[in-house]
PDB file of N, CA and C in Angstrom:
ATOM      1  N   MET A   1       0.307  41.729  16.377  1.00  0.00           N
ATOM      2  CA  MET A   1       0.248  42.801  15.412  1.00  0.00           C
ATOM      3  C   MET A   1       0.098  42.232  14.005  1.00  0.00           C
ATOM      4  N   LEU A   2       0.835  41.173  13.723  1.00  0.00           N
ATOM      5  CA  LEU A   2       0.786  40.598  12.388  1.00  0.00           C
ATOM      6  C   LEU A   2      -0.579  39.981  12.107  1.00  0.00           C
ATOM      7  N   SER A   3      -1.204  39.426  13.141  1.00  0.00           N
ATOM      8  CA  SER A   3      -2.510  38.791  12.934  1.00  0.00           C
ATOM      9  C   SER A   3      -3.580  39.801  12.544  1.00  0.00           C
ATOM     10  N   SER A   4      -3.381  41.074  12.889  1.00  0.00           N
ATOM     11  CA  SER A   4      -4.364  42.078  12.501  1.00  0.00           C
ATOM     12  C   SER A   4      -4.134  42.577  11.077  1.00  0.00           C
ATOM     13  N   VAL A   5      -2.967  42.329  10.506  1.00  0.00           N
ATOM     14  CA  VAL A   5      -2.652  42.765   9.144  1.00  0.00           C
ATOM     15  C   VAL A   5      -2.999  41.688   8.128  1.00  0.00           C
ATOM     16  N   LEU A   6      -2.721  40.441   8.493  1.00  0.00           N
ATOM     17  CA  LEU A   6      -2.984  39.345   7.559  1.00  0.00           C
ATOM     18  C   LEU A   6      -4.482  39.123   7.410  1.00  0.00           C
ATOM     19  N   ARG A   7      -4.875  38.551   6.288  1.00  0.00           N
ATOM     20  CA  ARG A   7      -6.304  38.384   6.020  1.00  0.00           C
ATOM     21  C   ARG A   7      -6.732  36.918   5.920  1.00  0.00           C
ATOM     22  N   SER A   8      -5.924  36.000   6.407  1.00  0.00           N
ATOM     23  CA  SER A   8      -6.314  34.594   6.356  1.00  0.00           C
ATOM     24  C   SER A   8      -7.288  34.286   7.491  1.00  0.00           C
ATOM     25  N   LYS A   9      -8.005  33.162   7.356  1.00  0.00           N
ATOM     26  CA  LYS A   9      -8.959  32.768   8.408  1.00  0.00           C
ATOM     27  C   LYS A   9      -8.240  32.529   9.733  1.00  0.00           C
ATOM     28  N   CYS A  10      -7.079  31.914   9.660  1.00  0.00           N
ATOM     29  CA  CYS A  10      -6.313  31.613  10.872  1.00  0.00           C
ATOM     30  C   CYS A  10      -5.888  32.908  11.573  1.00  0.00           C
ATOM     31  N   ALA A  11      -5.409  33.892  10.801  1.00  0.00           N
ATOM     32  CA  ALA A  11      -4.976  35.164  11.390  1.00  0.00           C
ATOM     33  C   ALA A  11      -6.157  35.895  12.016  1.00  0.00           C
ATOM     34  N   ILE A  12      -7.294  35.856  11.375  1.00  0.00           N
ATOM     35  CA  ILE A  12      -8.489  36.508  11.920  1.00  0.00           C
ATOM     36  C   ILE A  12      -8.904  35.839  13.228  1.00  0.00           C
ATOM     37  N   THR A  13      -8.865  34.516  13.260  1.00  0.00           N
ATOM     38  CA  THR A  13      -9.218  33.772  14.471  1.00  0.00           C
ATOM     39  C   THR A  13      -8.262  34.102  15.611  1.00  0.00           C
ATOM     40  N   VAL A  14      -6.965  34.153  15.291  1.00  0.00           N
ATOM     41  CA  VAL A  14      -5.964  34.474  16.312  1.00  0.00           C
ATOM     42  C   VAL A  14      -6.189  35.891  16.838  1.00  0.00           C
ATOM     43  N   ASN A  15      -6.472  36.818  15.952  1.00  0.00           N
ATOM     44  CA  ASN A  15      -6.709  38.196  16.361  1.00  0.00           C
ATOM     45  C   ASN A  15      -7.920  38.296  17.288  1.00  0.00           C
ATOM     46  N   ILE A  16      -8.975  37.585  16.979  1.00  0.00           N
ATOM     47  CA  ILE A  16     -10.170  37.583  17.837  1.00  0.00           C
ATOM     48  C   ILE A  16      -9.841  37.008  19.211  1.00  0.00           C
ATOM     49  N   GLU A  17      -9.075  35.930  19.251  1.00  0.00           N
ATOM     50  CA  GLU A  17      -8.698  35.327  20.537  1.00  0.00           C
ATOM     51  C   GLU A  17      -7.815  36.256  21.356  1.00  0.00           C
ATOM     52  N   ILE A  18      -6.945  36.995  20.685  1.00  0.00           N
ATOM     53  CA  ILE A  18      -6.103  37.962  21.393  1.00  0.00           C
ATOM     54  C   ILE A  18      -6.976  39.044  22.023  1.00  0.00           C
ATOM     55  N   MET A  19      -7.933  39.542  21.283  1.00  0.00           N
ATOM     56  CA  MET A  19      -8.826  40.572  21.816  1.00  0.00           C
ATOM     57  C   MET A  19      -9.638  40.042  22.993  1.00  0.00           C
ATOM     58  N   ARG A  20     -10.093  38.805  22.890  1.00  0.00           N
ATOM     59  CA  ARG A  20     -10.840  38.191  24.003  1.00  0.00           C
ATOM     60  C   ARG A  20      -9.975  38.054  25.244  1.00  0.00           C
ATOM     61  N   ALA A  21      -8.703  37.707  25.041  1.00  0.00           N
ATOM     62  CA  ALA A  21      -7.786  37.573  26.175  1.00  0.00           C
ATOM     63  C   ALA A  21      -7.594  38.911  26.876  1.00  0.00           C
ATOM     64  N   PHE A  22      -7.465  40.000  26.099  1.00  0.00           N
ATOM     65  CA  PHE A  22      -7.314  41.311  26.715  1.00  0.00           C
ATOM     66  C   PHE A  22      -8.581  41.758  27.437  1.00  0.00           C
ATOM     67  N   VAL A  23      -9.727  41.445  26.895  1.00  0.00           N
ATOM     68  CA  VAL A  23     -10.989  41.776  27.566  1.00  0.00           C
ATOM     69  C   VAL A  23     -11.085  41.019  28.883  1.00  0.00           C
ATOM     70  N   LYS A  24     -10.728  39.752  28.869  1.00  0.00           N
ATOM     71  CA  LYS A  24     -10.758  38.921  30.080  1.00  0.00           C
ATOM     72  C   LYS A  24      -9.795  39.473  31.131  1.00  0.00           C
ATOM     73  N   LEU A  25      -8.607  39.889  30.687  1.00  0.00           N
ATOM     74  CA  LEU A  25      -7.621  40.461  31.600  1.00  0.00           C
ATOM     75  C   LEU A  25      -8.149  41.742  32.233  1.00  0.00           C
ATOM     76  N   ARG A  26      -8.789  42.588  31.430  1.00  0.00           N
ATOM     77  CA  ARG A  26      -9.363  43.829  31.947  1.00  0.00           C
ATOM     78  C   ARG A  26     -10.461  43.527  32.966  1.00  0.00           C
ATOM     79  N   GLN A  27     -11.267  42.505  32.704  1.00  0.00           N
ATOM     80  CA  GLN A  27     -12.327  42.133  33.647  1.00  0.00           C
ATOM     81  C   GLN A  27     -11.742  41.621  34.954  1.00  0.00           C
ATOM     82  N   LEU A  28     -10.662  40.836  34.872  1.00  0.00           N
ATOM     83  CA  LEU A  28     -10.024  40.329  36.086  1.00  0.00           C
ATOM     84  C   LEU A  28      -9.455  41.468  36.922  1.00  0.00           C
ATOM     85  N   LEU A  29      -8.827  42.432  36.256  1.00  0.00           N
ATOM     86  CA  LEU A  29      -8.272  43.570  36.987  1.00  0.00           C
ATOM     87  C   LEU A  29      -9.373  44.400  37.633  1.00  0.00           C
ATOM     88  N   ALA A  30     -10.471  44.573  36.926  1.00  0.00           N
ATOM     89  CA  ALA A  30     -11.593  45.333  37.482  1.00  0.00           C
ATOM     90  C   ALA A  30     -12.201  44.602  38.671  1.00  0.00           C
ATOM     91  N   SER A  31     -12.325  43.288  38.595  1.00  0.00           N
ATOM     92  CA  SER A  31     -12.910  42.548  39.714  1.00  0.00           C
ATOM     93  C   SER A  31     -11.982  42.578  40.922  1.00  0.00           C
ATOM     94  N   ASN A  32     -10.676  42.586  40.686  1.00  0.00           N
ATOM     95  CA  ASN A  32      -9.728  42.678  41.794  1.00  0.00           C
ATOM     96  C   ASN A  32      -9.840  44.040  42.467  1.00  0.00           C
ATOM     97  N   ALA A  33     -10.043  45.099  41.689  1.00  0.00           N
ATOM     98  CA  ALA A  33     -10.217  46.429  42.268  1.00  0.00           C
ATOM     99  C   ALA A  33     -11.518  46.492  43.068  1.00  0.00           C
ATOM    100  N   GLU A  34     -12.569  45.873  42.536  1.00  0.00           N
ATOM    101  CA  GLU A  34     -13.857  45.835  43.240  1.00  0.00           C
ATOM    102  C   GLU A  34     -13.715  45.061  44.553  1.00  0.00           C
ATOM    103  N   LEU A  35     -12.995  43.950  44.512  1.00  0.00           N
ATOM    104  CA  LEU A  35     -12.773  43.157  45.721  1.00  0.00           C
ATOM    105  C   LEU A  35     -12.004  43.966  46.756  1.00  0.00           C
ATOM    106  N   SER A  36     -11.015  44.702  46.316  1.00  0.00           N
ATOM    107  CA  SER A  36     -10.236  45.527  47.231  1.00  0.00           C
ATOM    108  C   SER A  36     -11.105  46.617  47.864  1.00  0.00           C
ATOM    109  N   ARG A  37     -11.971  47.238  47.065  1.00  0.00           N
ATOM    110  CA  ARG A  37     -12.862  48.278  47.581  1.00  0.00           C
ATOM    111  C   ARG A  37     -13.814  47.701  48.622  1.00  0.00           C
ATOM    112  N   ARG A  38     -14.381  46.540  48.327  1.00  0.00           N
ATOM    113  CA  ARG A  38     -15.315  45.917  49.272  1.00  0.00           C
ATOM    114  C   ARG A  38     -14.601  45.491  50.550  1.00  0.00           C
ATOM    115  N   LEU A  39     -13.369  45.044  50.418  1.00  0.00           N
ATOM    116  CA  LEU A  39     -12.591  44.661  51.594  1.00  0.00           C
ATOM    117  C   LEU A  39     -12.319  45.877  52.472  1.00  0.00           C
ATOM    118  N   ASP A  40     -12.043  47.017  51.852  1.00  0.00           N
ATOM    119  CA  ASP A  40     -11.854  48.252  52.623  1.00  0.00           C
ATOM    120  C   ASP A  40     -13.116  48.620  53.396  1.00  0.00           C
ATOM    121  N   GLU A  41     -14.265  48.458  52.748  1.00  0.00           N
ATOM    122  CA  GLU A  41     -15.536  48.757  53.423  1.00  0.00           C
ATOM    123  C   GLU A  41     -15.746  47.846  54.628  1.00  0.00           C
ATOM    124  N   LEU A  42     -15.501  46.560  54.432  1.00  0.00           N
ATOM    125  CA  LEU A  42     -15.676  45.616  55.539  1.00  0.00           C
ATOM    126  C   LEU A  42     -14.698  45.902  56.670  1.00  0.00           C
ATOM    127  N   GLU A  43     -13.481  46.247  56.311  1.00  0.00           N
ATOM    128  CA  GLU A  43     -12.465  46.515  57.320  1.00  0.00           C
ATOM    129  C   GLU A  43     -12.830  47.729  58.166  1.00  0.00           C
ATOM    130  N   SER A  44     -13.444  48.729  57.549  1.00  0.00           N
ATOM    131  CA  SER A  44     -13.836  49.909  58.318  1.00  0.00           C
ATOM    132  C   SER A  44     -15.028  49.612  59.232  1.00  0.00           C
ATOM    133  N   LYS A  45     -15.844  48.617  58.863  1.00  0.00           N
ATOM    134  CA  LYS A  45     -17.013  48.273  59.675  1.00  0.00           C
ATOM    135  C   LYS A  45     -16.646  47.498  60.939  1.00  0.00           C
ATOM    136  N   TYR A  46     -15.748  46.551  60.804  1.00  0.00           N
ATOM    137  CA  TYR A  46     -15.464  45.649  61.917  1.00  0.00           C
ATOM    138  C   TYR A  46     -14.291  46.130  62.753  1.00  0.00           C
ATOM    139  N   ASP A  47     -14.224  45.616  63.968  1.00  0.00           N
ATOM    140  CA  ASP A  47     -13.217  46.068  64.900  1.00  0.00           C
ATOM    141  C   ASP A  47     -11.858  45.412  64.637  1.00  0.00           C
ATOM    142  N   LYS A  48     -10.934  45.657  65.536  1.00  0.00           N
ATOM    143  CA  LYS A  48      -9.545  45.212  65.362  1.00  0.00           C
ATOM    144  C   LYS A  48      -9.364  43.700  65.458  1.00  0.00           C
ATOM    145  N   GLN A  49     -10.365  42.964  65.924  1.00  0.00           N
ATOM    146  CA  GLN A  49     -10.240  41.511  66.028  1.00  0.00           C
ATOM    147  C   GLN A  49     -10.042  40.870  64.662  1.00  0.00           C
ATOM    148  N   PHE A  50     -10.617  41.464  63.636  1.00  0.00           N
ATOM    149  CA  PHE A  50     -10.533  40.890  62.299  1.00  0.00           C
ATOM    150  C   PHE A  50      -9.354  41.421  61.489  1.00  0.00           C
ATOM    151  N   LYS A  51      -8.513  42.240  62.103  1.00  0.00           N
ATOM    152  CA  LYS A  51      -7.372  42.810  61.391  1.00  0.00           C
ATOM    153  C   LYS A  51      -6.465  41.723  60.840  1.00  0.00           C
ATOM    154  N   VAL A  52      -6.244  40.675  61.580  1.00  0.00           N
ATOM    155  CA  VAL A  52      -5.393  39.575  61.129  1.00  0.00           C
ATOM    156  C   VAL A  52      -5.996  38.914  59.888  1.00  0.00           C
ATOM    157  N   VAL A  53      -7.295  38.741  59.895  1.00  0.00           N
ATOM    158  CA  VAL A  53      -7.979  38.128  58.756  1.00  0.00           C
ATOM    159  C   VAL A  53      -7.851  39.013  57.519  1.00  0.00           C
ATOM    160  N   PHE A  54      -8.075  40.321  57.695  1.00  0.00           N
ATOM    161  CA  PHE A  54      -7.984  41.242  56.565  1.00  0.00           C
ATOM    162  C   PHE A  54      -6.560  41.325  56.028  1.00  0.00           C
ATOM    163  N   ASP A  55      -5.577  41.302  56.919  1.00  0.00           N
ATOM    164  CA  ASP A  55      -4.182  41.323  56.474  1.00  0.00           C
ATOM    165  C   ASP A  55      -3.835  40.068  55.677  1.00  0.00           C
ATOM    166  N   ALA A  56      -4.340  38.922  56.120  1.00  0.00           N
ATOM    167  CA  ALA A  56      -4.089  37.679  55.398  1.00  0.00           C
ATOM    168  C   ALA A  56      -4.727  37.704  54.007  1.00  0.00           C
ATOM    169  N   ILE A  57      -5.934  38.247  53.916  1.00  0.00           N
ATOM    170  CA  ILE A  57      -6.610  38.342  52.618  1.00  0.00           C
ATOM    171  C   ILE A  57      -5.831  39.274  51.694  1.00  0.00           C
ATOM    172  N   ARG A  58      -5.345  40.383  52.220  1.00  0.00           N
ATOM    173  CA  ARG A  58      -4.572  41.324  51.395  1.00  0.00           C
ATOM    174  C   ARG A  58      -3.273  40.687  50.904  1.00  0.00           C
ATOM    175  N   GLN A  59      -2.643  39.872  51.727  1.00  0.00           N
ATOM    176  CA  GLN A  59      -1.427  39.184  51.285  1.00  0.00           C
ATOM    177  C   GLN A  59      -1.731  38.201  50.165  1.00  0.00           C
ATOM    178  N   LEU A  60      -2.870  37.541  50.235  1.00  0.00           N
ATOM    179  CA  LEU A  60      -3.253  36.620  49.175  1.00  0.00           C
ATOM    180  C   LEU A  60      -3.582  37.357  47.875  1.00  0.00           C
ATOM    181  N   MET A  61      -4.119  38.573  47.998  1.00  0.00           N
ATOM    182  CA  MET A  61      -4.466  39.354  46.813  1.00  0.00           C
ATOM    183  C   MET A  61      -3.243  39.972  46.145  1.00  0.00           C
ATOM    184  N   ALA A  62      -2.192  40.206  46.909  1.00  0.00           N
ATOM    185  CA  ALA A  62      -0.997  40.861  46.364  1.00  0.00           C
ATOM    186  C   ALA A  62      -0.284  39.927  45.390  1.00  0.00           C
ATOM    187  N   THR A  63       0.259  40.516  44.351  1.00  0.00           N
ATOM    188  CA  THR A  63       1.019  39.717  43.392  1.00  0.00           C
ATOM    189  C   THR A  63       2.394  39.439  43.977  1.00  0.00           C
ATOM    190  N   PRO A  64       2.863  38.219  43.855  1.00  0.00           N
ATOM    191  CA  PRO A  64       4.156  37.886  44.431  1.00  0.00           C
ATOM    192  C   PRO A  64       5.300  38.559  43.664  1.00  0.00           C
ATOM    193  N   ALA A  65       6.291  39.001  44.409  1.00  0.00           N
ATOM    194  CA  ALA A  65       7.468  39.611  43.784  1.00  0.00           C
ATOM    195  C   ALA A  65       8.370  38.500  43.262  1.00  0.00           C
ATOM    196  N   ARG A  66       8.807  38.673  42.031  1.00  0.00           N
ATOM    197  CA  ARG A  66       9.671  37.663  41.426  1.00  0.00           C
ATOM    198  C   ARG A  66      11.073  38.217  41.288  1.00  0.00           C
ATOM    199  N   ASN A  67      12.018  37.407  41.664  1.00  0.00           N
ATOM    200  CA  ASN A  67      13.417  37.791  41.500  1.00  0.00           C
ATOM    201  C   ASN A  67      13.923  37.196  40.198  1.00  0.00           C
ATOM    202  N   ARG A  68      13.823  37.971  39.149  1.00  0.00           N
ATOM    203  CA  ARG A  68      14.264  37.511  37.842  1.00  0.00           C
ATOM    204  C   ARG A  68      15.376  38.401  37.339  1.00  0.00           C
ATOM    205  N   LYS A  69      16.260  37.801  36.584  1.00  0.00           N
ATOM    206  CA  LYS A  69      17.273  38.590  35.916  1.00  0.00           C
ATOM    207  C   LYS A  69      16.633  39.272  34.726  1.00  0.00           C
ATOM    208  N   GLU A  70      17.079  40.490  34.453  1.00  0.00           N
ATOM    209  CA  GLU A  70      16.591  41.176  33.278  1.00  0.00           C
ATOM    210  C   GLU A  70      17.157  40.509  32.041  1.00  0.00           C
ATOM    211  N   ILE A  71      16.327  40.420  31.021  1.00  0.00           N
ATOM    212  CA  ILE A  71      16.805  39.844  29.780  1.00  0.00           C
ATOM    213  C   ILE A  71      17.120  40.965  28.806  1.00  0.00           C
ATOM    214  N   GLY A  72      17.981  40.670  27.866  1.00  0.00           N
ATOM    215  CA  GLY A  72      18.309  41.662  26.858  1.00  0.00           C
ATOM    216  C   GLY A  72      19.768  42.058  26.923  1.00  0.00           C
ATOM    217  N   PHE A  73      20.129  42.929  26.045  1.00  0.00           N
ATOM    218  CA  PHE A  73      21.500  43.386  25.928  1.00  0.00           C
ATOM    219  C   PHE A  73      21.773  44.490  26.927  1.00  0.00           C
ATOM    220  N   ARG A  74      22.906  44.406  27.599  1.00  0.00           N
ATOM    221  CA  ARG A  74      23.326  45.453  28.527  1.00  0.00           C
ATOM    222  C   ARG A  74      24.624  46.060  28.016  1.00  0.00           C
ATOM    223  N   TRP A  75      24.616  47.368  27.899  1.00  0.00           N
ATOM    224  CA  TRP A  75      25.790  48.062  27.403  1.00  0.00           C
ATOM    225  C   TRP A  75      26.716  48.357  28.577  1.00  0.00           C
ATOM    226  N   ARG A  76      27.943  47.907  28.443  1.00  0.00           N
ATOM    227  CA  ARG A  76      28.955  48.206  29.473  1.00  0.00           C
ATOM    228  C   ARG A  76      30.076  48.994  28.815  1.00  0.00           C
ATOM    229  N   GLU A  77      30.420  50.074  29.447  1.00  0.00           N
ATOM    230  CA  GLU A  77      31.505  50.898  28.891  1.00  0.00           C
ATOM    231  C   GLU A  77      32.820  50.200  29.138  1.00  0.00           C
ATOM    232  N   VAL A  78      33.705  50.313  28.173  1.00  0.00           N
ATOM    233  CA  VAL A  78      35.033  49.715  28.272  1.00  0.00           C
ATOM    234  C   VAL A  78      35.905  50.607  29.161  1.00  0.00           C
ATOM    235  N   LYS A  79      36.558  49.965  30.130  1.00  0.00           N
ATOM    236  CA  LYS A  79      37.445  50.714  31.024  1.00  0.00           C
ATOM    237  C   LYS A  79      38.713  51.066  30.284  1.00  0.00           C
ATOM    238  N   LYS A  80      39.195  52.288  30.512  1.00  0.00           N
ATOM    239  CA  LYS A  80      40.443  52.741  29.850  1.00  0.00           C
ATOM    240  C   LYS A  80      41.610  52.627  30.770  1.00  0.00           C
TER     241      LYS A  80
END
């Protein structure tokens, strides 16, 4: 946010790189959706022999679940 307010060459460069990163992220998400759509088409075409292959591909495409603790302040009420 600050890089879009400041007018130095460095801030402008950083702002451009941030925008490029978001464009790249949007393209990656779109290609993943396209891949998923094409995989659905292939899965409907072929018989059950390839089900194991399609399931393995879907597992590779899925984002792994991370067990992380939440960061930040947690409000706890004082017991009376």
